[in-house]
Structures are given as C-alpha cells and as structure tokens.
Protein backbone atom coordinates (compact mmCIF):
# COMPACT_ATOMS: atom_id res chain seq x y z
CA UNK A 1 0.33 0.02 -0.15
CA UNK A 2 1.11 3.44 -1.20
CA UNK A 3 1.74 6.31 1.68
CA UNK A 4 -1.15 8.72 0.64
CA UNK A 5 -0.42 12.05 1.56
CA UNK A 6 -3.12 14.17 4.10
CA UNK A 7 -5.98 16.10 1.93
CA UNK A 8 -5.52 19.61 1.42
CA UNK A 9 -8.09 21.82 3.62
CA UNK A 10 -9.40 25.66 2.84
CA UNK A 11 -6.58 27.82 4.15
CA UNK A 12 -3.46 25.82 3.67
CA UNK A 13 -0.21 26.64 2.09
CA UNK A 14 0.49 25.12 -1.71
CA UNK A 15 4.34 26.34 -2.18
CA UNK A 16 4.98 26.90 -6.27
CA UNK A 17 8.11 25.19 -6.69
CA UNK A 18 10.04 24.95 -10.49
CA UNK A 19 11.61 21.39 -10.80
CA UNK A 20 11.80 21.68 -14.50
CA UNK A 21 11.26 24.88 -16.54
CA UNK A 22 11.68 27.81 -14.82
CA UNK A 23 8.38 29.90 -13.22
CA UNK A 24 9.96 33.14 -15.32
CA UNK A 25 8.60 31.54 -18.87
CA UNK A 26 4.96 31.97 -17.23
CA UNK A 27 3.80 35.74 -18.16
CA UNK A 28 3.76 37.81 -15.12
CA UNK A 29 -0.35 38.02 -15.94
CA UNK A 30 -0.78 34.78 -15.90
CA UNK A 31 0.91 34.03 -12.94
CA UNK A 32 -1.38 36.84 -11.30
CA UNK A 33 -4.39 34.85 -12.78
CA UNK A 34 -3.19 31.41 -11.25
CA UNK A 35 -2.60 33.09 -7.94
CA UNK A 36 -5.80 33.99 -7.54
CA UNK A 37 -7.38 30.90 -8.98
CA UNK A 38 -5.85 29.01 -6.15
CA UNK A 39 -6.48 31.84 -3.43
CA UNK A 40 -10.34 31.73 -4.58
CA UNK A 41 -10.19 27.91 -4.16
CA UNK A 42 -8.87 28.74 -0.45
CA UNK A 43 -5.16 27.95 -0.76
CA UNK A 44 -2.69 30.52 0.28
CA UNK A 45 0.27 30.52 -2.38
CA UNK A 46 3.85 30.82 -1.91
CA UNK A 47 6.61 30.86 -4.72
CA UNK A 48 9.87 29.09 -3.70
CA UNK A 49 12.83 30.57 -3.39
CA UNK A 50 14.37 29.37 -6.97
CA UNK A 51 11.42 29.17 -8.97
CA UNK A 52 12.10 32.46 -10.86
CA UNK A 53 15.74 31.86 -11.21
CA UNK A 54 16.49 31.60 -15.32
CA UNK A 55 19.82 29.54 -17.14
CA UNK A 56 20.53 28.94 -20.96
CA UNK A 57 17.90 26.12 -20.68
CA UNK A 58 15.03 28.12 -19.57
CA UNK A 59 15.61 26.21 -16.34
CA UNK A 60 17.64 27.16 -13.35
CA UNK A 61 20.79 25.45 -11.84
CA UNK A 62 20.45 21.66 -10.04
CA UNK A 63 21.16 22.74 -6.82
CA UNK A 64 18.71 25.66 -6.58
CA UNK A 65 15.77 23.32 -7.89
CA UNK A 66 16.61 20.32 -5.33
CA UNK A 67 17.02 22.73 -2.22
CA UNK A 68 13.73 24.26 -3.16
CA UNK A 69 12.25 21.03 -2.87
CA UNK A 70 13.77 19.27 0.03
CA UNK A 71 12.51 23.15 1.65
CA UNK A 72 9.00 22.58 0.35
CA UNK A 73 8.71 19.21 1.81
CA UNK A 74 10.76 20.07 5.42
CA UNK A 75 8.43 23.32 5.27
CA UNK A 76 5.41 21.80 8.17
CA UNK A 77 3.62 24.89 7.07
CA UNK A 78 3.60 23.76 3.72
CA UNK A 79 0.72 21.14 2.72
CA UNK A 80 0.88 20.66 -0.85
CA UNK A 81 3.13 21.26 -3.70
CA UNK A 82 2.56 22.25 -7.57
CA UNK A 83 5.17 22.69 -10.11
CA UNK A 84 5.46 25.84 -12.38
CA UNK A 85 5.24 23.73 -15.68
CA UNK A 86 6.72 21.48 -17.70
CA UNK A 87 10.02 21.10 -19.79
CA UNK A 88 12.96 18.53 -20.67
CA UNK A 89 14.95 18.06 -17.37
CA UNK A 90 13.67 17.53 -13.93
CA UNK A 91 15.29 13.59 -14.63
CA UNK A 92 19.10 16.02 -13.94
CA UNK A 93 17.83 16.07 -9.85
CA UNK A 94 16.73 12.90 -9.53
CA UNK A 95 19.99 11.66 -8.07
CA UNK A 96 20.19 14.81 -5.72
CA UNK A 97 17.22 14.40 -3.87
CA UNK A 98 16.48 13.69 -0.12
CA UNK A 99 14.43 10.86 -0.43
CA UNK A 100 14.32 9.95 3.55
CA UNK A 101 13.42 13.62 3.89
CA UNK A 102 10.49 12.97 1.55
CA UNK A 103 9.45 10.25 2.96
CA UNK A 104 9.68 11.20 6.59
CA UNK A 105 7.70 14.41 5.45
CA UNK A 106 4.84 12.99 3.24
CA UNK A 107 2.64 16.19 1.12
CA UNK A 108 0.92 16.23 -1.94
CA UNK A 109 3.18 16.30 -4.72
CA UNK A 110 1.28 17.63 -8.19
CA UNK A 111 2.44 18.19 -12.01
CA UNK A 112 2.15 16.49 -15.43
CA UNK A 113 4.52 16.17 -18.64
CA UNK A 114 7.95 16.22 -17.70
CA UNK A 115 7.36 16.20 -13.91
CA UNK A 116 6.31 12.05 -14.77
CA UNK A 117 10.18 11.44 -13.91
CA UNK A 118 9.96 12.95 -10.41
CA UNK A 119 6.48 11.67 -9.25
CA UNK A 120 7.44 8.37 -10.45
CA UNK A 121 10.48 8.55 -9.20
CA UNK A 122 9.33 9.75 -5.75
CA UNK A 123 7.12 7.09 -5.25
CA UNK A 124 9.61 4.42 -6.19
CA UNK A 125 12.07 5.52 -3.94
CA UNK A 126 9.60 6.06 -1.03
CA UNK A 127 6.55 4.73 -1.78
CA UNK A 128 4.65 8.16 -1.31
CA UNK A 129 1.58 8.65 -3.67
CA UNK A 130 2.48 11.81 -6.20
CA UNK A 131 -0.22 13.08 -8.50
CA UNK A 132 -0.27 13.67 -12.27
CA UNK A 133 -2.48 16.91 -12.58
CA UNK A 134 -2.43 20.70 -13.02
CA UNK A 135 0.65 22.55 -13.19
CA UNK A 136 0.70 26.03 -11.30
CA UNK A 137 0.72 27.34 -14.39
CA UNK A 138 -2.46 25.57 -15.55
CA UNK A 139 -4.65 27.48 -12.88
CA UNK A 140 -3.39 30.72 -15.53
CA UNK A 141 -6.22 29.66 -17.57
CA UNK A 142 -9.13 31.58 -17.93
CA UNK A 143 -11.62 29.65 -19.80
CA UNK A 144 -12.04 26.13 -20.20
CA UNK A 145 -10.62 24.93 -16.89
CA UNK A 146 -13.57 24.24 -14.49
CA UNK A 147 -13.20 20.49 -15.58
CA UNK A 148 -9.61 20.43 -14.36
CA UNK A 149 -10.41 22.26 -11.04
CA UNK A 150 -13.38 19.86 -10.41
CA UNK A 151 -10.97 16.58 -10.70
CA UNK A 152 -8.30 18.47 -9.02
CA UNK A 153 -10.62 19.24 -6.15
CA UNK A 154 -12.00 15.86 -6.24
CA UNK A 155 -8.48 13.93 -5.81
CA UNK A 156 -6.70 16.17 -3.53
CA UNK A 157 -9.11 17.56 -0.93
CA UNK A 158 -11.91 14.53 -0.97
CA UNK A 159 -11.17 11.02 0.70
CA UNK A 160 -14.33 9.25 -1.61
CA UNK A 161 -13.42 7.24 -4.62
CA UNK A 162 -14.53 8.94 -7.84
CA UNK A 163 -15.34 8.11 -11.07
CA UNK A 164 -13.73 9.85 -14.18
CA UNK A 165 -16.40 10.83 -16.72
CA UNK A 166 -15.41 12.50 -19.98
CA UNK A 167 -15.36 16.76 -20.28
CA UNK A 168 -17.74 18.06 -22.39
CA UNK A 169 -15.31 19.56 -24.58
CA UNK A 170 -11.34 19.87 -25.09
CA UNK A 171 -8.99 22.37 -26.74
CA UNK A 172 -5.50 22.11 -28.15
CA UNK A 173 -4.81 25.93 -28.59
CA UNK A 174 -2.06 28.12 -26.96
CA UNK A 175 -4.13 29.38 -24.58
CA UNK A 176 -1.43 31.15 -22.59
CA UNK A 177 -0.60 33.34 -25.68
CA UNK A 178 -4.33 34.15 -25.98
CA UNK A 179 -6.87 33.77 -23.01
CA UNK A 180 -9.82 35.42 -25.35
CA UNK A 181 -9.76 33.53 -28.78
CA UNK A 182 -9.94 29.87 -27.70
CA UNK A 183 -11.08 26.80 -30.04
CA UNK A 184 -13.14 24.12 -28.32
CA UNK A 185 -14.01 20.49 -29.72
CA UNK A 186 -16.87 18.65 -28.54
CA UNK A 187 -15.77 15.51 -26.46
CA UNK A 188 -16.99 12.44 -27.97
CA UNK A 189 -15.81 10.42 -24.91
CA UNK A 190 -13.28 7.58 -24.08
CA UNK A 191 -12.44 4.89 -26.62
CA UNK A 192 -12.48 1.37 -26.33
CA UNK A 193 -9.30 -0.83 -27.56
CA UNK A 194 -9.71 -3.54 -25.36
CA UNK A 195 -12.22 -5.51 -23.42
CA UNK A 196 -11.86 -6.51 -20.07
CA UNK A 197 -11.54 -5.55 -16.33
CA UNK A 198 -8.56 -4.61 -14.25
CA UNK A 199 -7.56 -3.70 -10.47
CA UNK A 200 -4.42 -1.87 -10.02
CA UNK A 201 -1.73 0.57 -8.83
CA UNK A 202 -1.73 3.68 -11.15
CA UNK A 203 2.28 4.50 -12.64
CA UNK A 204 3.24 6.01 -15.57
CA UNK A 205 2.10 9.71 -17.28
CA UNK A 206 4.13 11.08 -20.07
CA UNK A 207 5.52 8.03 -22.07
CA UNK A 208 8.48 9.65 -23.30
CA UNK A 209 9.23 11.08 -19.59
CA UNK A 210 8.33 7.75 -18.35
CA UNK A 211 10.79 5.90 -20.35
CA UNK A 212 13.50 7.84 -19.10
CA UNK A 213 13.74 6.01 -15.90
CA UNK A 214 14.18 2.37 -17.70
CA UNK A 215 17.23 0.83 -16.17
CA UNK A 216 17.08 3.29 -13.12
CA UNK A 217 16.18 3.14 -9.19
CA UNK A 218 13.81 5.32 -10.09
CA UNK A 219 11.36 3.21 -12.07
CA UNK A 220 8.27 1.94 -10.03
CA UNK A 221 7.49 -1.73 -9.95
CA UNK A 222 5.04 -2.76 -12.94
CA UNK A 223 3.56 -5.67 -10.81
CA UNK A 224 -0.54 -5.45 -10.32
CA UNK A 225 -0.42 -2.03 -12.01
CA UNK A 226 -2.54 -0.08 -14.38
CA UNK A 227 -0.57 2.05 -16.77
CA UNK A 228 -1.65 5.71 -17.57
CA UNK A 229 -0.40 7.11 -20.92
CA UNK A 230 -0.43 10.28 -22.74
CA UNK A 231 2.18 11.81 -25.35
CA UNK A 232 2.48 15.22 -26.71
CA UNK A 233 2.95 16.36 -30.32
CA UNK A 234 6.75 17.30 -29.57
CA UNK A 235 7.59 14.30 -31.93
CA UNK A 236 5.68 16.29 -35.03
CA UNK A 237 4.80 13.91 -38.09
CA UNK A 238 6.75 10.74 -36.50
CA UNK A 239 4.78 11.15 -34.13
CA UNK A 240 3.06 7.46 -34.36
CA UNK A 241 6.16 5.55 -35.34
CA UNK A 242 7.89 7.43 -32.44
CA UNK A 243 5.00 6.44 -30.38
CA UNK A 244 4.55 2.86 -31.30
CA UNK A 245 8.65 1.81 -30.52
CA UNK A 246 8.36 4.34 -27.36
CA UNK A 247 5.66 1.99 -26.11
CA UNK A 248 7.18 -0.94 -27.07
CA UNK A 249 10.38 -0.21 -25.44
CA UNK A 250 8.00 -0.84 -22.15
CA UNK A 251 6.82 -3.55 -23.14
CA UNK A 252 10.30 -5.08 -23.43
CA UNK A 253 11.00 -4.59 -19.99
CA UNK A 254 11.11 -7.80 -18.10
CA UNK A 255 8.40 -6.96 -15.44
CA UNK A 256 5.28 -5.99 -18.19
CA UNK A 257 3.73 -8.65 -17.52
CA UNK A 258 2.96 -7.06 -14.37
CA UNK A 259 0.73 -4.57 -16.39
CA UNK A 260 -3.04 -5.45 -16.02
CA UNK A 261 -4.65 -2.61 -18.09
CA UNK A 262 -3.47 0.42 -20.36
CA UNK A 263 -5.29 3.77 -19.90
CA UNK A 264 -4.16 6.60 -22.67
CA UNK A 265 -5.00 10.19 -22.53
CA UNK A 266 -5.99 12.45 -25.85
CA UNK A 267 -3.40 12.71 -27.86
CA UNK A 268 -3.03 16.25 -29.86
CA UNK A 269 -4.90 17.22 -32.55
CA UNK A 270 -1.60 17.21 -35.15
CA UNK A 271 -0.68 13.92 -33.96
CA UNK A 272 -3.28 12.50 -36.32
CA UNK A 273 -3.29 9.03 -34.11
CA UNK A 274 -7.09 8.39 -34.45
CA UNK A 275 -8.86 5.73 -32.59
CA UNK A 276 -8.53 3.16 -35.51
CA UNK A 277 -5.08 3.99 -35.96
CA UNK A 278 -3.98 3.26 -32.20
CA UNK A 279 -5.94 -0.34 -33.01
CA UNK A 280 -3.61 -1.18 -35.17
CA UNK A 281 -0.73 -0.27 -33.58
CA UNK A 282 -1.77 -2.57 -30.65
CA UNK A 283 -2.65 -5.04 -32.25
CA UNK A 284 0.59 -5.83 -33.64
CA UNK A 285 1.68 -6.29 -29.92
CA UNK A 286 0.69 -9.41 -28.81
CA UNK A 287 1.44 -8.85 -24.96
CA UNK A 288 -1.25 -6.47 -25.50
CA UNK A 289 -4.17 -8.61 -26.05
CA UNK A 290 -5.58 -9.89 -23.29
CA UNK A 291 -5.31 -6.85 -20.92
CA UNK A 292 -8.02 -4.02 -21.37
CA UNK A 293 -7.29 -0.55 -23.08
CA UNK A 294 -9.01 2.91 -23.13
CA UNK A 295 -8.11 5.81 -25.06
CA UNK A 296 -8.96 9.51 -25.16
CA UNK A 297 -9.07 10.10 -21.25
CA UNK A 298 -8.89 13.68 -20.48
CA UNK A 299 -5.30 13.79 -19.25
CA UNK A 300 -2.21 14.59 -21.31
CA UNK A 301 -0.97 17.86 -23.26
CA UNK A 302 -4.78 18.85 -24.20
CA UNK A 303 -6.85 20.41 -21.82
CA UNK A 304 -8.67 19.49 -19.37
CA UNK A 305 -7.10 17.02 -18.18
CA UNK A 306 -7.77 15.25 -14.53
CA UNK A 307 -5.60 15.10 -11.37
CA UNK A 308 -4.71 11.18 -10.73
CA UNK A 309 -2.51 9.61 -7.76
CA UNK A 310 0.82 7.79 -9.10
CA UNK A 311 0.91 4.96 -5.99
CA UNK A 312 -3.15 5.26 -5.98
CA UNK A 313 -5.02 2.71 -7.19
CA UNK A 314 -7.83 2.24 -10.16
CA UNK A 315 -10.44 0.05 -11.60
CA UNK A 316 -11.49 -0.20 -15.01
CA UNK A 317 -14.37 -1.83 -16.15
CA UNK A 318 -15.01 -2.14 -20.19
CA UNK A 319 -18.15 -4.26 -20.70
CA UNK A 320 -20.19 -4.31 -23.93
CA UNK A 321 -19.82 -0.06 -25.31
CA UNK A 322 -19.47 0.48 -21.48
CA UNK A 323 -16.51 2.25 -19.95
CA UNK A 324 -16.19 2.52 -16.27
CA UNK A 325 -12.72 4.56 -14.81
CA UNK A 326 -12.89 4.73 -11.07
CA UNK A 327 -10.00 6.50 -9.01
CA UNK A 328 -10.41 3.65 -5.53
CA UNK A 329 -7.36 5.35 -3.83
CA UNK A 330 -5.99 8.43 -3.85
C-alpha cells in the first residue's frame, strides 16, 4: 500500500516549485491569474526561493531546484506542492534529492508532462503517492478550466473514490498566448481498444519521459499496475512511429507482464492518431492482446485534464460499449 499524503484543506499553503522549466517563462499576468484562482479555491500560495531563476535552458541550476524541493517537503507550514510548468530536464535532479526527508514529510506533489519523471521516482523511492495533474501555470487559464479544477478538488481535497467522466469539450490551442480567442472541440468520450476489467496501482504519465526511468532505481514496479500513458506532439510528423516504438520499449521490460490495463490520455490534434490507428498499433503487440485498454481520457497535453494518483489505485471495467474508470485510492 502506498503512503497517501494528507488532503488539502481551505487555508492550507501551497508551495510553487520549478523542478523543470522556470516559472519565469510563464507571463506575469498568467501567474497573477493562477494565484488568484488558487486563492479563490481557499489556498494560500507561496513561490519557492529559486522558482523564478532562469538559465540558458529555460530552467535553473540543479542545486537551486533540489534546494526548493527539499525545503518544500521539510517546511511544516506547506501542505501541498505544485510544479510551475513542464520542460525537459527534471531527471537531472533525481539522484540529488533527499528521499528520506521526502518520505518522513509526506505531502501532495502535483504536476504533469516532464514532472512524470519526478513523480514516479518519488513513488518508487519512498512509496509516497504523488499526483499527475495541473501545474501552477495551468491555473492561469481563464476559460475551459472548470473540469480541471473539479478533478483537482476531487482528488486532492476529498477522501472518497471517484469515477472519471469525460469532459464536455476539449481544446488544444495556445491558450497562454491568447486567453480571449479559444477553440473548443466537442468531446466524444473515451474510446475502447480492448474490453475487460482490471484493478491495480497507477503508474506512468508522459510516455517519452517515463521511458527515461528505464534501467534506473527510479522506475516504479509494474506488478499489479494500471499504466496511464499520454504523449505530446513534440515528435511532430513522426509521432505515430515514435509513439509505437516508445510503447514497445516499455513492453520489452521483463516485468511488463505485471501491467493489468492501459489507459491512454488524449493525443493532440496534430498527432493524427485516430482510434483506428491506435488499434492497429496495439494489434501488432501480442503482449497487449488480453488486457483492457481505453483511450481519449482527459489527461495529457490537451485541456482540460483530470488529476490522478501515481501509487494510488484504480479500477477499469469495459463491458459491451460501456467504460467504467474509477479512482479508488488517492
């Protein structure tokens, strides 16, 4: 059983850290909106000492990032930790963190994308559940954020299990550049790839980032797991073949047979991976023939997104044309 950190309550302090990209790459206006939104939800917001530092890689020194993480976990007045934004280099800091300190001071850590490496590493090293969900910068969104906030509150402030229902609409635009002109698309719901049912421990996140943990002490165990995976459009016109071989790389791991189900987040529009194309990719992988698989769940690099626990538990039931996805322990 994972260590589940205490839930957030109104009045709690949330510390914003920048273990990947620097908070300074988020516009000052969007930072102001994010602070206001979190304060309206009842939280106090504090920026970590080095969150606005900026180097040549849109990040900051390893020592700065490690210092902020360790301090956030050690500070008893901090009840939750939000990452500023994603990026490309959070795996640089994994060997430098004080995992005993983190384990002895369990609290909520939430973020996604590049933060996948950090959240899974902390779970692997400490058994502390972490969370894939919005960054601090996500709360700078003005329109189309209600669903994201709803699942953030459900997962991080309430004890009860909850069912994941599809959002009514979604977007894949550069909202942070133009808050007024947004494009929303009707959501046709989750898609069935393979039927079946499973219950297990959630691991995963961004596929490309998760794969960086292969062969390291930071990769969580796959036994009795449900693998949540998403991928962004960084790979551009080679998206489908890169996604295919990155997924195959995971399947080659000797303990992959411990995976009981796969849950794919929604792909970005330009990826051009339809449900039918995804089925063809899955069909050539014999190891996936007998496990339930769904796609187009609200997480990943489109908006809105759910919050889900790395190290928590989920149940997936796919029967006839019905999909039931429930977060049991978070």
